[in-house]
N, C-alpha and C. Protein backbone atom coordinates (compact mmCIF):
# COMPACT_ATOMS: atom_id res chain seq x y z
N MET A 1 -152.01 -38.39 -130.33
CA MET A 1 -150.58 -38.24 -130.44
C MET A 1 -150.06 -37.64 -129.13
N ARG A 2 -148.99 -38.19 -128.60
CA ARG A 2 -148.41 -37.74 -127.34
C ARG A 2 -147.30 -36.74 -127.59
N SER A 3 -147.27 -35.74 -126.75
CA SER A 3 -146.17 -34.78 -126.85
C SER A 3 -145.01 -35.28 -125.99
N GLY A 4 -143.85 -34.69 -126.14
CA GLY A 4 -142.67 -35.09 -125.38
C GLY A 4 -142.62 -34.49 -123.98
N ARG A 5 -143.66 -33.81 -123.55
CA ARG A 5 -143.67 -33.17 -122.23
C ARG A 5 -143.97 -34.18 -121.14
N ARG A 6 -143.37 -33.98 -119.98
CA ARG A 6 -143.64 -34.82 -118.80
C ARG A 6 -144.90 -34.33 -118.11
N SER A 7 -145.60 -35.26 -117.55
CA SER A 7 -146.79 -34.91 -116.78
C SER A 7 -146.37 -34.26 -115.47
N PRO A 8 -147.04 -33.20 -115.01
CA PRO A 8 -146.68 -32.57 -113.72
C PRO A 8 -146.86 -33.52 -112.54
N ARG A 9 -147.64 -34.57 -112.71
CA ARG A 9 -147.84 -35.53 -111.62
C ARG A 9 -146.55 -36.24 -111.24
N LEU A 10 -145.62 -36.40 -112.19
CA LEU A 10 -144.37 -37.08 -111.88
C LEU A 10 -143.56 -36.31 -110.84
N PHE A 11 -143.65 -35.00 -110.81
CA PHE A 11 -142.91 -34.21 -109.84
C PHE A 11 -143.62 -34.16 -108.50
N SER A 12 -144.92 -34.32 -108.47
CA SER A 12 -145.65 -34.25 -107.20
C SER A 12 -145.61 -35.58 -106.45
N LEU A 13 -145.36 -36.70 -107.15
CA LEU A 13 -145.33 -38.00 -106.49
C LEU A 13 -144.21 -38.09 -105.46
N PRO A 14 -142.93 -37.72 -105.78
CA PRO A 14 -141.90 -37.80 -104.73
C PRO A 14 -142.21 -36.91 -103.53
N LEU A 15 -142.78 -35.75 -103.78
CA LEU A 15 -143.13 -34.85 -102.68
C LEU A 15 -144.21 -35.47 -101.80
N ALA A 16 -145.19 -36.12 -102.43
CA ALA A 16 -146.26 -36.76 -101.66
C ALA A 16 -145.72 -37.92 -100.83
N VAL A 17 -144.81 -38.72 -101.40
CA VAL A 17 -144.23 -39.84 -100.68
C VAL A 17 -143.38 -39.33 -99.51
N ALA A 18 -142.56 -38.31 -99.77
CA ALA A 18 -141.73 -37.74 -98.71
C ALA A 18 -142.58 -37.18 -97.58
N SER A 19 -143.64 -36.47 -97.93
CA SER A 19 -144.52 -35.91 -96.90
C SER A 19 -145.17 -37.01 -96.09
N ALA A 20 -145.59 -38.10 -96.75
CA ALA A 20 -146.23 -39.20 -96.04
C ALA A 20 -145.26 -39.84 -95.05
N VAL A 21 -143.99 -40.00 -95.45
CA VAL A 21 -142.99 -40.60 -94.56
C VAL A 21 -142.75 -39.71 -93.35
N VAL A 22 -142.54 -38.42 -93.60
CA VAL A 22 -142.24 -37.50 -92.50
C VAL A 22 -143.44 -37.38 -91.56
N PHE A 23 -144.64 -37.23 -92.11
CA PHE A 23 -145.81 -37.08 -91.25
C PHE A 23 -146.16 -38.37 -90.53
N SER A 24 -145.89 -39.53 -91.13
CA SER A 24 -146.18 -40.78 -90.43
C SER A 24 -145.24 -40.95 -89.25
N LEU A 25 -143.97 -40.51 -89.40
CA LEU A 25 -143.05 -40.59 -88.26
C LEU A 25 -143.43 -39.60 -87.18
N ALA A 26 -143.88 -38.42 -87.57
CA ALA A 26 -144.22 -37.39 -86.60
C ALA A 26 -145.52 -37.71 -85.87
N GLY A 27 -146.38 -38.51 -86.47
CA GLY A 27 -147.69 -38.76 -85.88
C GLY A 27 -147.77 -40.01 -85.02
N CYS A 28 -146.65 -40.65 -84.75
CA CYS A 28 -146.67 -41.86 -83.94
C CYS A 28 -147.07 -41.54 -82.51
N ASP A 29 -147.66 -42.52 -81.83
CA ASP A 29 -148.06 -42.34 -80.45
C ASP A 29 -147.77 -43.63 -79.70
N GLY A 30 -147.56 -43.55 -78.42
CA GLY A 30 -147.37 -44.73 -77.61
C GLY A 30 -145.89 -45.05 -77.43
N HIS A 31 -145.60 -46.30 -77.15
CA HIS A 31 -144.23 -46.72 -76.89
C HIS A 31 -143.40 -46.66 -78.16
N GLY A 32 -142.12 -46.48 -78.01
CA GLY A 32 -141.23 -46.46 -79.16
C GLY A 32 -140.44 -45.17 -79.22
N VAL A 33 -140.10 -44.78 -80.42
CA VAL A 33 -139.19 -43.67 -80.63
C VAL A 33 -139.72 -42.38 -80.04
N VAL A 34 -141.01 -42.12 -80.12
CA VAL A 34 -141.54 -40.84 -79.66
C VAL A 34 -142.34 -40.97 -78.38
N SER A 35 -142.13 -42.03 -77.62
CA SER A 35 -142.90 -42.20 -76.40
C SER A 35 -142.47 -41.17 -75.35
N PRO A 36 -143.40 -40.76 -74.49
CA PRO A 36 -143.07 -39.78 -73.47
C PRO A 36 -142.20 -40.38 -72.38
N GLY A 37 -141.63 -39.53 -71.59
CA GLY A 37 -140.81 -39.99 -70.47
C GLY A 37 -139.39 -39.50 -70.62
N SER A 38 -138.63 -39.70 -69.58
CA SER A 38 -137.23 -39.28 -69.65
C SER A 38 -136.36 -40.40 -69.12
N ALA A 39 -135.16 -40.43 -69.65
CA ALA A 39 -134.20 -41.44 -69.21
C ALA A 39 -132.90 -40.73 -68.84
N ARG A 40 -132.11 -41.36 -68.01
CA ARG A 40 -130.82 -40.82 -67.60
C ARG A 40 -129.73 -41.73 -68.19
N PHE A 41 -128.74 -41.10 -68.79
CA PHE A 41 -127.69 -41.87 -69.45
C PHE A 41 -126.33 -41.31 -69.10
N GLY A 42 -125.33 -42.13 -69.19
CA GLY A 42 -123.96 -41.69 -69.15
C GLY A 42 -123.28 -41.77 -67.80
N ARG A 43 -121.97 -41.96 -67.81
CA ARG A 43 -121.15 -41.93 -66.62
C ARG A 43 -119.80 -41.34 -67.00
N VAL A 44 -119.32 -40.49 -66.16
CA VAL A 44 -117.98 -39.95 -66.33
C VAL A 44 -117.25 -40.27 -65.04
N GLY A 45 -116.33 -41.20 -65.07
CA GLY A 45 -115.65 -41.65 -63.86
C GLY A 45 -116.68 -42.22 -62.90
N THR A 46 -116.72 -41.72 -61.69
CA THR A 46 -117.69 -42.21 -60.72
C THR A 46 -118.86 -41.25 -60.56
N THR A 47 -118.86 -40.16 -61.32
CA THR A 47 -119.93 -39.17 -61.21
C THR A 47 -120.95 -39.41 -62.32
N SER A 48 -122.21 -39.51 -61.97
CA SER A 48 -123.26 -39.73 -62.97
C SER A 48 -123.61 -38.41 -63.65
N THR A 49 -123.75 -38.44 -64.95
CA THR A 49 -124.10 -37.25 -65.73
C THR A 49 -125.45 -37.49 -66.40
N SER A 50 -126.34 -36.54 -66.29
CA SER A 50 -127.67 -36.66 -66.89
C SER A 50 -127.66 -36.05 -68.29
N LEU A 51 -127.94 -36.85 -69.28
CA LEU A 51 -128.11 -36.37 -70.65
C LEU A 51 -129.50 -36.76 -71.09
N ASP A 52 -130.48 -36.05 -70.60
CA ASP A 52 -131.87 -36.34 -70.91
C ASP A 52 -132.21 -35.71 -72.26
N PHE A 53 -132.21 -36.52 -73.32
CA PHE A 53 -132.58 -35.97 -74.62
C PHE A 53 -133.55 -36.86 -75.37
N VAL A 54 -134.36 -37.61 -74.64
CA VAL A 54 -135.41 -38.40 -75.26
C VAL A 54 -136.39 -37.44 -75.92
N GLY A 55 -136.74 -37.71 -77.15
CA GLY A 55 -137.65 -36.86 -77.91
C GLY A 55 -137.14 -36.64 -79.31
N THR A 56 -137.65 -35.61 -79.95
CA THR A 56 -137.28 -35.30 -81.32
C THR A 56 -136.51 -33.99 -81.36
N TRP A 57 -135.40 -33.99 -82.11
CA TRP A 57 -134.52 -32.85 -82.23
C TRP A 57 -134.31 -32.56 -83.72
N ARG A 58 -134.32 -31.28 -84.10
CA ARG A 58 -134.29 -30.91 -85.52
C ARG A 58 -133.28 -29.80 -85.78
N ARG A 59 -132.63 -29.91 -86.94
CA ARG A 59 -131.70 -28.89 -87.42
C ARG A 59 -132.00 -28.66 -88.89
N ALA A 60 -132.16 -27.40 -89.29
CA ALA A 60 -132.42 -27.06 -90.69
C ALA A 60 -131.47 -25.97 -91.13
N VAL A 61 -130.97 -26.10 -92.36
CA VAL A 61 -130.07 -25.11 -92.95
C VAL A 61 -130.65 -24.71 -94.30
N TYR A 62 -130.77 -23.41 -94.54
CA TYR A 62 -131.27 -22.87 -95.81
C TYR A 62 -130.14 -22.13 -96.50
N PHE A 63 -130.01 -22.34 -97.83
CA PHE A 63 -128.91 -21.71 -98.55
C PHE A 63 -129.23 -21.63 -100.04
N VAL A 64 -128.43 -20.84 -100.76
CA VAL A 64 -128.52 -20.74 -102.21
C VAL A 64 -127.26 -21.38 -102.76
N ASP A 65 -127.42 -22.36 -103.67
CA ASP A 65 -126.26 -23.08 -104.19
C ASP A 65 -125.55 -22.27 -105.28
N ASP A 66 -124.48 -22.84 -105.84
CA ASP A 66 -123.67 -22.15 -106.85
C ASP A 66 -124.44 -21.85 -108.13
N PHE A 67 -125.55 -22.53 -108.37
CA PHE A 67 -126.34 -22.31 -109.58
C PHE A 67 -127.52 -21.36 -109.34
N GLY A 68 -127.61 -20.83 -108.12
CA GLY A 68 -128.67 -19.89 -107.80
C GLY A 68 -129.97 -20.53 -107.34
N PHE A 69 -129.96 -21.85 -107.06
CA PHE A 69 -131.15 -22.53 -106.57
C PHE A 69 -131.24 -22.42 -105.05
N ALA A 70 -132.42 -22.09 -104.56
CA ALA A 70 -132.66 -22.07 -103.11
C ALA A 70 -132.84 -23.50 -102.64
N ARG A 71 -132.13 -23.86 -101.60
CA ARG A 71 -132.17 -25.25 -101.09
C ARG A 71 -132.28 -25.24 -99.57
N SER A 72 -132.66 -26.41 -99.04
CA SER A 72 -132.61 -26.60 -97.59
C SER A 72 -132.18 -28.03 -97.30
N SER A 73 -131.55 -28.19 -96.16
CA SER A 73 -131.13 -29.50 -95.68
C SER A 73 -131.61 -29.60 -94.24
N GLU A 74 -132.39 -30.63 -93.95
CA GLU A 74 -132.98 -30.79 -92.61
C GLU A 74 -132.64 -32.17 -92.07
N THR A 75 -132.20 -32.20 -90.82
CA THR A 75 -131.94 -33.46 -90.14
C THR A 75 -132.75 -33.49 -88.86
N SER A 76 -133.51 -34.55 -88.67
CA SER A 76 -134.27 -34.76 -87.44
C SER A 76 -133.84 -36.07 -86.80
N TRP A 77 -133.60 -36.04 -85.51
CA TRP A 77 -133.30 -37.24 -84.73
C TRP A 77 -134.43 -37.47 -83.74
N GLN A 78 -134.86 -38.71 -83.63
CA GLN A 78 -135.84 -39.11 -82.61
C GLN A 78 -135.17 -40.15 -81.73
N PHE A 79 -135.06 -39.84 -80.43
CA PHE A 79 -134.44 -40.74 -79.48
C PHE A 79 -135.51 -41.23 -78.51
N GLY A 80 -135.65 -42.53 -78.39
CA GLY A 80 -136.63 -43.13 -77.49
C GLY A 80 -136.02 -43.48 -76.16
N GLY A 81 -136.85 -43.51 -75.13
CA GLY A 81 -136.40 -43.90 -73.80
C GLY A 81 -135.95 -45.35 -73.73
N ASP A 82 -136.33 -46.14 -74.73
CA ASP A 82 -135.95 -47.55 -74.78
C ASP A 82 -134.67 -47.79 -75.57
N GLY A 83 -133.97 -46.71 -75.98
CA GLY A 83 -132.73 -46.86 -76.73
C GLY A 83 -132.90 -46.87 -78.24
N SER A 84 -134.13 -46.69 -78.71
CA SER A 84 -134.35 -46.67 -80.16
C SER A 84 -134.01 -45.29 -80.71
N ALA A 85 -133.61 -45.27 -81.98
CA ALA A 85 -133.26 -44.01 -82.63
C ALA A 85 -133.75 -44.03 -84.07
N ALA A 86 -134.16 -42.87 -84.56
CA ALA A 86 -134.54 -42.72 -85.97
C ALA A 86 -133.98 -41.39 -86.46
N ARG A 87 -133.51 -41.41 -87.70
CA ARG A 87 -132.99 -40.19 -88.32
C ARG A 87 -133.74 -39.97 -89.63
N VAL A 88 -134.19 -38.74 -89.85
CA VAL A 88 -134.84 -38.37 -91.10
C VAL A 88 -134.03 -37.23 -91.71
N LEU A 89 -133.49 -37.48 -92.91
CA LEU A 89 -132.76 -36.47 -93.66
C LEU A 89 -133.63 -36.01 -94.81
N VAL A 90 -133.87 -34.71 -94.91
CA VAL A 90 -134.71 -34.16 -95.98
C VAL A 90 -133.89 -33.10 -96.71
N ALA A 91 -133.66 -33.33 -98.01
CA ALA A 91 -132.97 -32.35 -98.85
C ALA A 91 -133.99 -31.80 -99.83
N ARG A 92 -134.12 -30.47 -99.86
CA ARG A 92 -135.12 -29.84 -100.73
C ARG A 92 -134.44 -28.88 -101.70
N ASN A 93 -134.90 -28.90 -102.95
CA ASN A 93 -134.59 -27.85 -103.91
C ASN A 93 -135.84 -26.99 -103.93
N LEU A 94 -135.80 -25.87 -103.22
CA LEU A 94 -136.97 -25.02 -103.06
C LEU A 94 -137.32 -24.27 -104.35
N SER A 95 -136.35 -24.10 -105.23
CA SER A 95 -136.59 -23.38 -106.47
C SER A 95 -137.46 -24.16 -107.45
N VAL A 96 -137.25 -25.48 -107.51
CA VAL A 96 -138.02 -26.29 -108.47
C VAL A 96 -138.96 -27.28 -107.80
N GLY A 97 -138.95 -27.33 -106.47
CA GLY A 97 -139.91 -28.16 -105.75
C GLY A 97 -139.56 -29.63 -105.67
N LEU A 98 -138.28 -29.98 -105.69
CA LEU A 98 -137.87 -31.38 -105.56
C LEU A 98 -137.49 -31.68 -104.11
N VAL A 99 -137.80 -32.90 -103.66
CA VAL A 99 -137.51 -33.31 -102.29
C VAL A 99 -136.91 -34.71 -102.31
N ASP A 100 -135.89 -34.93 -101.49
CA ASP A 100 -135.29 -36.25 -101.32
C ASP A 100 -135.29 -36.55 -99.83
N VAL A 101 -135.77 -37.74 -99.45
CA VAL A 101 -135.88 -38.11 -98.04
C VAL A 101 -135.17 -39.44 -97.80
N LEU A 102 -134.41 -39.51 -96.71
CA LEU A 102 -133.78 -40.75 -96.29
C LEU A 102 -134.14 -40.98 -94.82
N VAL A 103 -134.72 -42.13 -94.52
CA VAL A 103 -135.11 -42.48 -93.15
C VAL A 103 -134.23 -43.64 -92.70
N SER A 104 -133.62 -43.50 -91.53
CA SER A 104 -132.76 -44.54 -90.95
C SER A 104 -133.26 -44.85 -89.55
N ALA A 105 -133.11 -46.10 -89.15
CA ALA A 105 -133.54 -46.52 -87.81
C ALA A 105 -132.47 -47.39 -87.18
N GLY A 106 -132.44 -47.39 -85.84
CA GLY A 106 -131.48 -48.21 -85.13
C GLY A 106 -131.58 -48.01 -83.63
N ARG A 107 -130.45 -48.17 -82.94
CA ARG A 107 -130.38 -48.08 -81.48
C ARG A 107 -129.28 -47.10 -81.11
N TYR A 108 -129.40 -46.49 -79.93
CA TYR A 108 -128.37 -45.56 -79.47
C TYR A 108 -128.03 -45.82 -78.02
N ARG A 109 -126.86 -45.32 -77.64
CA ARG A 109 -126.43 -45.33 -76.24
C ARG A 109 -125.44 -44.18 -76.06
N VAL A 110 -125.24 -43.80 -74.81
CA VAL A 110 -124.30 -42.73 -74.50
C VAL A 110 -123.22 -43.31 -73.60
N GLU A 111 -121.97 -43.09 -73.97
CA GLU A 111 -120.82 -43.48 -73.16
C GLU A 111 -120.02 -42.23 -72.90
N ASN A 112 -119.94 -41.82 -71.63
CA ASN A 112 -119.32 -40.55 -71.24
C ASN A 112 -120.02 -39.44 -71.99
N SER A 113 -119.33 -38.72 -72.86
CA SER A 113 -119.98 -37.66 -73.62
C SER A 113 -120.07 -38.02 -75.11
N ARG A 114 -120.02 -39.32 -75.40
CA ARG A 114 -120.10 -39.81 -76.78
C ARG A 114 -121.46 -40.45 -77.02
N LEU A 115 -122.11 -40.04 -78.09
CA LEU A 115 -123.36 -40.63 -78.54
C LEU A 115 -123.00 -41.67 -79.59
N ILE A 116 -123.38 -42.92 -79.36
CA ILE A 116 -123.07 -44.01 -80.29
C ILE A 116 -124.39 -44.52 -80.84
N ILE A 117 -124.51 -44.47 -82.16
CA ILE A 117 -125.74 -44.88 -82.83
C ILE A 117 -125.41 -46.02 -83.79
N GLU A 118 -126.10 -47.13 -83.61
CA GLU A 118 -125.97 -48.29 -84.49
C GLU A 118 -127.21 -48.33 -85.37
N LEU A 119 -127.07 -47.86 -86.62
CA LEU A 119 -128.21 -47.88 -87.54
C LEU A 119 -128.31 -49.25 -88.19
N THR A 120 -129.53 -49.73 -88.33
CA THR A 120 -129.77 -51.04 -88.96
C THR A 120 -130.40 -50.90 -90.33
N SER A 121 -131.05 -49.77 -90.59
CA SER A 121 -131.67 -49.57 -91.90
C SER A 121 -131.43 -48.14 -92.35
N PRO A 122 -131.28 -47.86 -93.60
CA PRO A 122 -131.41 -48.77 -94.73
C PRO A 122 -130.20 -49.68 -94.90
N ALA A 123 -129.06 -49.34 -94.31
CA ALA A 123 -127.87 -50.20 -94.34
C ALA A 123 -127.20 -50.11 -92.97
N PRO A 124 -126.63 -51.20 -92.48
CA PRO A 124 -125.97 -51.16 -91.17
C PRO A 124 -124.80 -50.18 -91.17
N SER A 125 -124.77 -49.33 -90.15
CA SER A 125 -123.65 -48.41 -89.99
C SER A 125 -123.58 -47.95 -88.54
N ARG A 126 -122.41 -47.48 -88.15
CA ARG A 126 -122.19 -47.02 -86.78
C ARG A 126 -121.74 -45.57 -86.83
N LEU A 127 -122.39 -44.73 -86.05
CA LEU A 127 -122.05 -43.31 -85.96
C LEU A 127 -121.65 -42.99 -84.53
N GLU A 128 -120.61 -42.17 -84.36
CA GLU A 128 -120.19 -41.73 -83.03
C GLU A 128 -120.00 -40.22 -83.06
N PHE A 129 -120.61 -39.54 -82.10
CA PHE A 129 -120.54 -38.09 -82.02
C PHE A 129 -120.30 -37.66 -80.58
N ASP A 130 -119.62 -36.52 -80.42
CA ASP A 130 -119.62 -35.85 -79.12
C ASP A 130 -121.00 -35.25 -78.95
N VAL A 131 -121.55 -35.33 -77.73
CA VAL A 131 -122.90 -34.83 -77.49
C VAL A 131 -122.95 -34.09 -76.16
N ARG A 132 -123.72 -33.01 -76.15
CA ARG A 132 -124.00 -32.29 -74.90
C ARG A 132 -125.32 -31.56 -75.08
N ARG A 133 -125.95 -31.29 -73.97
CA ARG A 133 -127.22 -30.58 -73.99
C ARG A 133 -127.10 -29.32 -73.16
N THR A 134 -127.60 -28.21 -73.73
CA THR A 134 -127.65 -26.94 -73.03
C THR A 134 -129.05 -26.39 -73.20
N GLY A 135 -129.84 -26.44 -72.12
CA GLY A 135 -131.23 -25.98 -72.20
C GLY A 135 -132.03 -26.78 -73.21
N GLU A 136 -132.64 -26.09 -74.15
CA GLU A 136 -133.45 -26.75 -75.17
C GLU A 136 -132.67 -26.99 -76.46
N GLN A 137 -131.35 -26.97 -76.37
CA GLN A 137 -130.51 -27.29 -77.51
C GLN A 137 -129.69 -28.54 -77.22
N LEU A 138 -129.64 -29.42 -78.20
CA LEU A 138 -128.81 -30.61 -78.13
C LEU A 138 -127.70 -30.44 -79.16
N PHE A 139 -126.46 -30.50 -78.72
CA PHE A 139 -125.33 -30.34 -79.63
C PHE A 139 -124.80 -31.72 -79.98
N ILE A 140 -124.93 -32.10 -81.25
CA ILE A 140 -124.42 -33.37 -81.76
C ILE A 140 -123.28 -33.01 -82.70
N ALA A 141 -122.07 -33.45 -82.36
CA ALA A 141 -120.87 -33.12 -83.13
C ALA A 141 -120.71 -31.60 -83.26
N GLY A 142 -121.09 -30.87 -82.23
CA GLY A 142 -120.95 -29.43 -82.22
C GLY A 142 -122.04 -28.66 -82.94
N GLU A 143 -122.97 -29.36 -83.61
CA GLU A 143 -124.05 -28.71 -84.35
C GLU A 143 -125.30 -28.64 -83.48
N PRO A 144 -125.95 -27.48 -83.37
CA PRO A 144 -127.13 -27.35 -82.51
C PRO A 144 -128.40 -27.90 -83.14
N TYR A 145 -129.14 -28.65 -82.35
CA TYR A 145 -130.46 -29.16 -82.73
C TYR A 145 -131.46 -28.63 -81.72
N LEU A 146 -132.63 -28.24 -82.18
CA LEU A 146 -133.68 -27.73 -81.30
C LEU A 146 -134.73 -28.81 -81.06
N ARG A 147 -135.27 -28.84 -79.84
CA ARG A 147 -136.31 -29.81 -79.52
C ARG A 147 -137.56 -29.47 -80.28
N VAL A 148 -138.21 -30.51 -80.83
CA VAL A 148 -139.47 -30.36 -81.54
C VAL A 148 -140.59 -30.68 -80.58
N GLY A 149 -141.57 -29.81 -80.45
CA GLY A 149 -142.69 -30.05 -79.53
C GLY A 149 -142.28 -29.78 -78.10
N GLY A 150 -143.11 -30.32 -77.17
CA GLY A 150 -142.90 -30.06 -75.75
C GLY A 150 -141.86 -30.87 -75.16
């Protein structure tokens, strides 16, 4: 006879899938989104401006919601020297151990101080942000992102 209780494995499966997606993106090597090297982008009038931000940039916010649950929201951007871009959004309910992950991929370019990203998956969309870099911080739409790794 079966009881009405859910198996604990049902809650660990989304976490395992999310971890596999995040770690598979972080473990890539060679050409593509995480390839080494630097590129120069952008022009303002006749003066060239260097916005070297090839690599991975991360922003995380931790908070307690209105119901008293501890949560986090994490956004990671990976910019390749070839113009490729990937975004990983991770929303966590730290109190009950639930995780939701959304991975998007596409292409990017910089025009003046505007970052233009054309995402192709999971659905086509266009994003435009003001962008600037100060040291090891990349400001996208005024929000600071820190470089991941070297």
